[in-house]
Amino acid sequence: MGGKKKPTLSQLVKKAEREKAQQAQKVKKEETQTKKTIQIIDEKLFQAIAKDVMTMKVVTPYEIASKYGIKMSIALKVLRALRDRGDLALVAKGHRTEIYVPVRKS
């Protein structure tokens, strides 16, 4: 009937220290995760992709990611940048992928 026993003072202190350590680890983990997810593509690779895309009939992010060994999200950002630049035209868009065709400049 009595219920759960109250922790001793030393147990409370140890519990508080463990919680502080866990909070510090969470902050460090979040900082390292944000640094790892940011991937910057260099200008040479961007220009190579831009040149290669103009020779393709249809371009998808998967084709770029698999050909150049970059993440799908980066490939998608590259294709969107090329679209904004006027090199590509968006043909179809689903909730998972986008299909582009090169704009022929004459």
Protein backbone atom coordinates (compact mmCIF):
# COMPACT_ATOMS: atom_id res chain seq x y z
CA MET A 1 0.00 0.00 0.00
CA GLY A 2 2.71 2.50 0.76
CA GLY A 3 3.61 3.36 -2.82
CA LYS A 4 6.95 3.94 -4.45
CA LYS A 5 9.91 4.91 -2.27
CA LYS A 6 11.42 8.34 -2.67
CA PRO A 7 14.97 8.42 -4.09
CA THR A 8 17.81 9.41 -1.82
CA LEU A 9 19.61 12.71 -2.28
CA SER A 10 22.62 11.06 -3.89
CA GLN A 11 20.33 9.27 -6.37
CA LEU A 12 18.66 12.58 -7.26
CA VAL A 13 22.04 14.22 -7.84
CA LYS A 14 23.20 11.35 -10.08
CA LYS A 15 19.95 11.48 -12.06
CA ALA A 16 20.30 15.24 -12.61
CA GLU A 17 23.90 14.79 -13.81
CA ARG A 18 22.87 12.07 -16.26
CA GLU A 19 20.10 14.28 -17.67
CA LYS A 20 22.52 17.18 -18.16
CA ALA A 21 24.97 14.87 -19.95
CA GLN A 22 22.20 13.58 -22.22
CA GLN A 23 21.11 17.12 -23.08
CA ALA A 24 24.70 18.04 -23.96
CA GLN A 25 25.01 14.95 -26.16
CA LYS A 26 21.74 15.79 -27.94
CA VAL A 27 22.98 19.29 -28.74
CA LYS A 28 26.30 17.95 -30.06
CA LYS A 29 24.51 15.29 -32.09
CA GLU A 30 22.16 17.85 -33.67
CA GLU A 31 25.08 20.11 -34.58
CA THR A 32 26.99 17.28 -36.25
CA GLN A 33 23.90 16.06 -38.11
CA THR A 34 23.25 19.48 -39.66
CA LYS A 35 26.87 19.71 -40.77
CA LYS A 36 26.77 16.27 -42.39
CA THR A 37 23.58 16.87 -44.35
CA ILE A 38 24.87 19.99 -46.05
CA GLN A 39 26.76 18.97 -49.15
CA ILE A 40 28.21 21.61 -51.41
CA ILE A 41 28.78 20.81 -55.04
CA ASP A 42 31.73 22.51 -56.70
CA GLU A 43 31.40 24.66 -59.79
CA LYS A 44 33.26 22.23 -62.08
CA LEU A 45 30.83 19.43 -61.32
CA PHE A 46 27.88 21.77 -61.78
CA GLN A 47 29.18 22.84 -65.20
CA ALA A 48 29.80 19.21 -66.18
CA ILE A 49 26.24 18.31 -65.23
CA ALA A 50 24.90 21.34 -67.12
CA LYS A 51 26.84 20.33 -70.24
CA ASP A 52 25.83 16.67 -70.03
CA VAL A 53 22.16 17.47 -69.41
CA MET A 54 21.90 19.31 -72.71
CA THR A 55 22.67 16.09 -74.61
CA MET A 56 20.00 14.01 -72.86
CA LYS A 57 16.46 13.59 -74.13
CA VAL A 58 14.87 13.42 -70.67
CA VAL A 59 16.50 14.22 -67.34
CA THR A 60 15.50 12.97 -63.90
CA PRO A 61 17.21 13.51 -60.54
CA TYR A 62 17.90 9.77 -60.27
CA GLU A 63 19.90 9.76 -63.51
CA ILE A 64 22.06 12.66 -62.31
CA ALA A 65 22.53 11.20 -58.82
CA SER A 66 23.54 7.78 -60.07
CA LYS A 67 25.80 9.06 -62.84
CA TYR A 68 27.74 11.56 -60.72
CA GLY A 69 27.55 9.82 -57.34
CA ILE A 70 25.75 12.60 -55.50
CA LYS A 71 22.71 12.53 -53.26
CA MET A 72 19.24 12.69 -54.76
CA SER A 73 18.47 15.91 -52.90
CA ILE A 74 21.58 17.56 -54.35
CA ALA A 75 20.71 16.32 -57.84
CA LEU A 76 17.24 17.77 -57.44
CA LYS A 77 18.68 21.12 -56.36
CA VAL A 78 21.06 21.12 -59.34
CA LEU A 79 18.22 20.44 -61.77
CA ARG A 80 16.10 23.17 -60.20
CA ALA A 81 19.01 25.59 -60.50
CA LEU A 82 19.39 24.69 -64.18
CA ARG A 83 15.64 25.19 -64.62
CA ASP A 84 15.85 28.63 -63.01
CA ARG A 85 18.80 29.45 -65.25
CA GLY A 86 16.72 28.56 -68.30
CA ASP A 87 18.62 25.48 -69.47
CA LEU A 88 15.88 22.98 -68.56
CA ALA A 89 12.11 22.92 -68.78
CA LEU A 90 9.92 21.06 -66.31
CA VAL A 91 7.70 18.56 -68.13
CA ALA A 92 6.08 16.56 -65.34
CA LYS A 93 6.15 16.72 -61.58
CA GLY A 94 4.98 14.14 -59.08
CA HIS A 95 5.29 14.20 -55.34
CA ARG A 96 8.51 12.17 -55.56
CA THR A 97 10.28 13.16 -58.75
CA GLU A 98 10.48 15.76 -61.45
CA ILE A 99 11.08 15.19 -65.16
CA TYR A 100 12.95 17.79 -67.21
CA VAL A 101 13.85 18.24 -70.86
CA PRO A 102 16.63 20.47 -72.16
CA VAL A 103 15.66 23.75 -73.80
CA ARG A 104 17.14 23.91 -77.27
CA LYS A 105 18.76 27.27 -77.85
CA SER A 106 19.14 28.30 -81.45
